[in-house]
Amino acid sequence: MPSPETYLCPLCDRNVSVGRNCPCSPRKRKKKKPKEPRKSWEQNEASDGIDLPHDSFDYDEFIAKEFGTAKPHKQIGIAAYWWITALILALVWFLFHLF
């Protein structure tokens, strides 16, 4: 029976002092330095040398294929009556403060 200062090795059933490794157990490996993170502008080594098509890509064809031939988006803007309303309010405010 092991004493409180020792423990039984699970591999060879020897009594080993607490805080020590059993001679049969694998030695501790040295910790490796963590790799420095890759910078965002650095190229990934796995994709080095891959020839990707550059000139044959047709953007307009891609858009038509992906999104179909839907109606173009309506331009967002302020309606003309809001411009007229703002102009009238500005004139009323100016005349109110003038007199």
N, C-alpha and C. Protein backbone atom coordinates (compact mmCIF):
# COMPACT_ATOMS: atom_id res chain seq x y z
N MET A 1 0.84 -1.18 0.00
CA MET A 1 0.00 0.00 0.00
C MET A 1 0.88 1.23 0.00
N PRO A 2 0.60 2.20 -0.91
CA PRO A 2 1.45 3.40 -0.97
C PRO A 2 1.18 4.34 0.21
N SER A 3 2.22 5.02 0.62
CA SER A 3 2.08 6.00 1.69
C SER A 3 1.58 7.31 1.09
N PRO A 4 1.21 8.31 1.93
CA PRO A 4 0.71 9.58 1.39
C PRO A 4 1.76 10.34 0.58
N GLU A 5 3.05 10.00 0.77
CA GLU A 5 4.10 10.70 0.02
C GLU A 5 4.42 10.00 -1.29
N THR A 6 3.78 8.89 -1.57
CA THR A 6 4.04 8.15 -2.81
C THR A 6 2.72 7.81 -3.49
N TYR A 7 2.85 7.40 -4.74
CA TYR A 7 1.68 6.94 -5.49
C TYR A 7 2.09 5.74 -6.34
N LEU A 8 1.12 4.93 -6.74
CA LEU A 8 1.39 3.78 -7.59
C LEU A 8 1.39 4.21 -9.05
N CYS A 9 2.43 3.85 -9.76
CA CYS A 9 2.50 4.16 -11.19
C CYS A 9 1.44 3.35 -11.91
N PRO A 10 0.61 3.96 -12.74
CA PRO A 10 -0.44 3.21 -13.44
C PRO A 10 0.11 2.27 -14.51
N LEU A 11 1.38 2.46 -14.93
CA LEU A 11 1.94 1.62 -15.98
C LEU A 11 2.67 0.39 -15.42
N CYS A 12 3.45 0.61 -14.35
CA CYS A 12 4.26 -0.52 -13.87
C CYS A 12 4.01 -0.87 -12.40
N ASP A 13 3.11 -0.22 -11.71
CA ASP A 13 2.75 -0.47 -10.32
C ASP A 13 3.89 -0.27 -9.33
N ARG A 14 4.82 0.60 -9.62
CA ARG A 14 5.89 0.94 -8.68
C ARG A 14 5.41 2.06 -7.76
N ASN A 15 5.99 2.16 -6.57
CA ASN A 15 5.75 3.29 -5.69
C ASN A 15 6.68 4.43 -6.12
N VAL A 16 6.10 5.57 -6.42
CA VAL A 16 6.86 6.73 -6.89
C VAL A 16 6.57 7.90 -5.96
N SER A 17 7.60 8.66 -5.64
CA SER A 17 7.43 9.83 -4.77
C SER A 17 6.55 10.86 -5.48
N VAL A 18 5.74 11.54 -4.67
CA VAL A 18 4.86 12.58 -5.22
C VAL A 18 5.73 13.70 -5.78
N GLY A 19 5.41 14.17 -6.92
CA GLY A 19 6.16 15.25 -7.57
C GLY A 19 7.23 14.73 -8.51
N ARG A 20 7.42 13.44 -8.61
CA ARG A 20 8.42 12.85 -9.50
C ARG A 20 7.72 11.97 -10.54
N ASN A 21 8.40 11.78 -11.66
CA ASN A 21 7.90 10.87 -12.68
C ASN A 21 8.47 9.49 -12.46
N CYS A 22 7.69 8.50 -12.79
CA CYS A 22 8.18 7.12 -12.72
C CYS A 22 9.18 6.92 -13.86
N PRO A 23 10.23 6.12 -13.63
CA PRO A 23 11.20 5.88 -14.71
C PRO A 23 10.59 5.25 -15.96
N CYS A 24 9.47 4.55 -15.81
CA CYS A 24 8.87 3.91 -16.99
C CYS A 24 8.02 4.88 -17.81
N SER A 25 7.64 6.01 -17.23
CA SER A 25 6.75 6.93 -17.94
C SER A 25 7.54 7.74 -18.96
N PRO A 26 6.90 8.12 -20.03
CA PRO A 26 7.60 8.93 -21.04
C PRO A 26 7.99 10.26 -20.44
N ARG A 27 9.14 10.73 -20.90
CA ARG A 27 9.63 12.01 -20.38
C ARG A 27 8.80 13.15 -20.95
N LYS A 28 8.82 14.22 -20.21
CA LYS A 28 8.06 15.39 -20.67
C LYS A 28 8.71 15.96 -21.91
N ARG A 29 7.90 16.33 -22.82
CA ARG A 29 8.41 16.97 -24.03
C ARG A 29 8.63 18.44 -23.76
N LYS A 30 9.60 18.97 -24.45
CA LYS A 30 9.84 20.41 -24.32
C LYS A 30 8.72 21.14 -25.04
N LYS A 31 8.32 22.23 -24.45
CA LYS A 31 7.26 23.02 -25.07
C LYS A 31 7.82 23.73 -26.28
N LYS A 32 7.08 23.63 -27.36
CA LYS A 32 7.47 24.33 -28.58
C LYS A 32 7.01 25.76 -28.49
N LYS A 33 7.79 26.62 -29.11
CA LYS A 33 7.38 28.01 -29.17
C LYS A 33 6.14 28.10 -30.05
N PRO A 34 5.17 28.87 -29.63
CA PRO A 34 4.00 29.01 -30.50
C PRO A 34 4.38 29.76 -31.78
N LYS A 35 3.78 29.33 -32.87
CA LYS A 35 4.06 30.00 -34.14
C LYS A 35 3.50 31.40 -34.10
N GLU A 36 4.26 32.29 -34.69
CA GLU A 36 3.77 33.66 -34.77
C GLU A 36 2.64 33.69 -35.78
N PRO A 37 1.61 34.44 -35.48
CA PRO A 37 0.50 34.50 -36.44
C PRO A 37 0.95 35.13 -37.75
N ARG A 38 0.37 34.61 -38.81
CA ARG A 38 0.71 35.10 -40.14
C ARG A 38 0.14 36.50 -40.33
N LYS A 39 0.92 37.33 -40.93
CA LYS A 39 0.46 38.69 -41.23
C LYS A 39 -0.58 38.62 -42.34
N SER A 40 -1.49 39.58 -42.36
CA SER A 40 -2.59 39.54 -43.31
C SER A 40 -2.12 39.67 -44.75
N TRP A 41 -0.96 40.27 -44.97
CA TRP A 41 -0.50 40.46 -46.34
C TRP A 41 0.38 39.30 -46.82
N GLU A 42 0.74 38.39 -45.92
CA GLU A 42 1.58 37.28 -46.31
C GLU A 42 0.76 36.21 -47.04
N GLN A 43 1.37 35.59 -48.01
CA GLN A 43 0.67 34.57 -48.78
C GLN A 43 0.71 33.25 -48.04
N ASN A 44 -0.37 32.53 -48.10
CA ASN A 44 -0.44 31.22 -47.49
C ASN A 44 0.45 30.26 -48.27
N GLU A 45 1.26 29.46 -47.57
CA GLU A 45 2.18 28.55 -48.25
C GLU A 45 1.43 27.48 -49.04
N ALA A 46 0.25 27.11 -48.59
CA ALA A 46 -0.51 26.06 -49.28
C ALA A 46 -0.97 26.52 -50.66
N SER A 47 -1.22 27.80 -50.82
CA SER A 47 -1.70 28.29 -52.12
C SER A 47 -0.58 28.87 -52.97
N ASP A 48 0.65 28.69 -52.56
CA ASP A 48 1.77 29.20 -53.32
C ASP A 48 1.94 28.37 -54.60
N GLY A 49 1.99 29.04 -55.72
CA GLY A 49 2.18 28.36 -56.99
C GLY A 49 0.90 27.93 -57.67
N ILE A 50 -0.23 28.20 -57.09
CA ILE A 50 -1.49 27.85 -57.74
C ILE A 50 -1.80 28.90 -58.80
N ASP A 51 -2.11 28.45 -59.98
CA ASP A 51 -2.44 29.38 -61.06
C ASP A 51 -3.94 29.59 -61.09
N LEU A 52 -4.37 30.74 -60.68
CA LEU A 52 -5.79 31.07 -60.70
C LEU A 52 -6.09 31.88 -61.95
N PRO A 53 -7.24 31.65 -62.57
CA PRO A 53 -7.56 32.42 -63.78
C PRO A 53 -7.85 33.87 -63.45
N HIS A 54 -7.20 34.76 -64.15
CA HIS A 54 -7.37 36.18 -63.90
C HIS A 54 -8.07 36.87 -65.07
N ASP A 55 -7.60 36.63 -66.27
CA ASP A 55 -8.09 37.38 -67.43
C ASP A 55 -9.41 36.83 -67.97
N SER A 56 -9.69 35.58 -67.75
CA SER A 56 -10.88 34.99 -68.36
C SER A 56 -12.15 35.21 -67.54
N PHE A 57 -12.06 35.87 -66.40
CA PHE A 57 -13.22 36.07 -65.55
C PHE A 57 -14.04 37.24 -66.08
N ASP A 58 -15.33 37.00 -66.35
CA ASP A 58 -16.24 38.03 -66.84
C ASP A 58 -17.20 38.39 -65.71
N TYR A 59 -17.02 39.55 -65.13
CA TYR A 59 -17.80 39.96 -63.98
C TYR A 59 -19.28 40.11 -64.33
N ASP A 60 -19.59 40.71 -65.46
CA ASP A 60 -20.99 40.90 -65.85
C ASP A 60 -21.70 39.56 -66.05
N GLU A 61 -21.01 38.60 -66.63
CA GLU A 61 -21.59 37.27 -66.81
C GLU A 61 -21.84 36.60 -65.45
N PHE A 62 -20.90 36.76 -64.54
CA PHE A 62 -21.04 36.20 -63.19
C PHE A 62 -22.25 36.78 -62.48
N ILE A 63 -22.43 38.11 -62.54
CA ILE A 63 -23.56 38.77 -61.89
C ILE A 63 -24.88 38.30 -62.49
N ALA A 64 -24.93 38.19 -63.83
CA ALA A 64 -26.15 37.74 -64.49
C ALA A 64 -26.48 36.30 -64.10
N LYS A 65 -25.47 35.46 -63.99
CA LYS A 65 -25.69 34.07 -63.64
C LYS A 65 -26.13 33.93 -62.18
N GLU A 66 -25.51 34.68 -61.27
CA GLU A 66 -25.81 34.57 -59.85
C GLU A 66 -27.16 35.19 -59.48
N PHE A 67 -27.42 36.38 -60.00
CA PHE A 67 -28.58 37.13 -59.56
C PHE A 67 -29.69 37.23 -60.60
N GLY A 68 -29.48 36.69 -61.76
CA GLY A 68 -30.51 36.71 -62.79
C GLY A 68 -30.63 38.10 -63.41
N THR A 69 -31.68 38.27 -64.19
CA THR A 69 -31.88 39.55 -64.86
C THR A 69 -33.03 40.29 -64.20
N ALA A 70 -32.91 40.56 -62.93
CA ALA A 70 -33.95 41.28 -62.19
C ALA A 70 -33.87 42.76 -62.54
N LYS A 71 -34.92 43.47 -62.19
CA LYS A 71 -34.96 44.91 -62.43
C LYS A 71 -33.86 45.58 -61.61
N PRO A 72 -33.25 46.61 -62.16
CA PRO A 72 -32.23 47.31 -61.38
C PRO A 72 -32.87 48.00 -60.18
N HIS A 73 -32.10 48.22 -59.17
CA HIS A 73 -32.61 48.86 -57.96
C HIS A 73 -33.02 50.30 -58.24
N LYS A 74 -34.07 50.72 -57.58
CA LYS A 74 -34.54 52.09 -57.71
C LYS A 74 -33.59 52.98 -56.91
N GLN A 75 -33.22 54.08 -57.51
CA GLN A 75 -32.32 55.00 -56.83
C GLN A 75 -33.04 55.62 -55.64
N ILE A 76 -32.37 55.63 -54.51
CA ILE A 76 -32.95 56.18 -53.30
C ILE A 76 -32.63 57.67 -53.26
N GLY A 77 -33.65 58.46 -53.02
CA GLY A 77 -33.46 59.91 -52.94
C GLY A 77 -34.66 60.54 -52.26
N ILE A 78 -34.60 61.85 -52.14
CA ILE A 78 -35.68 62.58 -51.51
C ILE A 78 -36.60 63.09 -52.61
N ALA A 79 -37.90 62.89 -52.41
CA ALA A 79 -38.88 63.32 -53.40
C ALA A 79 -38.87 64.84 -53.52
N ALA A 80 -39.28 65.32 -54.69
CA ALA A 80 -39.24 66.76 -54.97
C ALA A 80 -40.14 67.55 -54.02
N TYR A 81 -41.28 66.98 -53.62
CA TYR A 81 -42.17 67.75 -52.74
C TYR A 81 -41.54 67.98 -51.38
N TRP A 82 -40.63 67.11 -50.91
CA TRP A 82 -39.95 67.37 -49.64
C TRP A 82 -38.95 68.51 -49.77
N TRP A 83 -38.31 68.64 -50.94
CA TRP A 83 -37.41 69.77 -51.16
C TRP A 83 -38.20 71.09 -51.13
N ILE A 84 -39.36 71.07 -51.79
CA ILE A 84 -40.20 72.28 -51.82
C ILE A 84 -40.68 72.61 -50.42
N THR A 85 -41.09 71.60 -49.65
CA THR A 85 -41.54 71.82 -48.27
C THR A 85 -40.42 72.40 -47.43
N ALA A 86 -39.22 71.88 -47.58
CA ALA A 86 -38.07 72.39 -46.81
C ALA A 86 -37.76 73.83 -47.19
N LEU A 87 -37.87 74.16 -48.46
CA LEU A 87 -37.60 75.54 -48.91
C LEU A 87 -38.64 76.50 -48.35
N ILE A 88 -39.90 76.10 -48.38
CA ILE A 88 -40.96 76.96 -47.83
C ILE A 88 -40.76 77.16 -46.34
N LEU A 89 -40.46 76.10 -45.61
CA LEU A 89 -40.23 76.22 -44.16
C LEU A 89 -39.02 77.11 -43.86
N ALA A 90 -37.97 77.00 -44.67
CA ALA A 90 -36.79 77.85 -44.46
C ALA A 90 -37.14 79.31 -44.70
N LEU A 91 -37.95 79.60 -45.73
CA LEU A 91 -38.36 80.98 -45.99
C LEU A 91 -39.24 81.53 -44.87
N VAL A 92 -40.18 80.71 -44.39
CA VAL A 92 -41.06 81.13 -43.28
C VAL A 92 -40.22 81.39 -42.04
N TRP A 93 -39.27 80.54 -41.72
CA TRP A 93 -38.43 80.73 -40.55
C TRP A 93 -37.60 82.00 -40.68
N PHE A 94 -37.05 82.23 -41.89
CA PHE A 94 -36.23 83.43 -42.13
C PHE A 94 -37.08 84.70 -41.98
N LEU A 95 -38.29 84.71 -42.57
CA LEU A 95 -39.16 85.87 -42.48
C LEU A 95 -39.65 86.08 -41.06
N PHE A 96 -39.91 85.01 -40.31
CA PHE A 96 -40.34 85.12 -38.92
C PHE A 96 -39.27 85.77 -38.06
N HIS A 97 -38.01 85.43 -38.29
CA HIS A 97 -36.92 86.01 -37.50
C HIS A 97 -36.52 87.40 -38.00
N LEU A 98 -36.88 87.71 -39.23
CA LEU A 98 -36.54 89.03 -39.78
C LEU A 98 -37.47 90.10 -39.20
N PHE A 99 -38.73 89.78 -38.98
CA PHE A 99 -39.69 90.77 -38.47
C PHE A 99 -40.02 90.56 -37.06
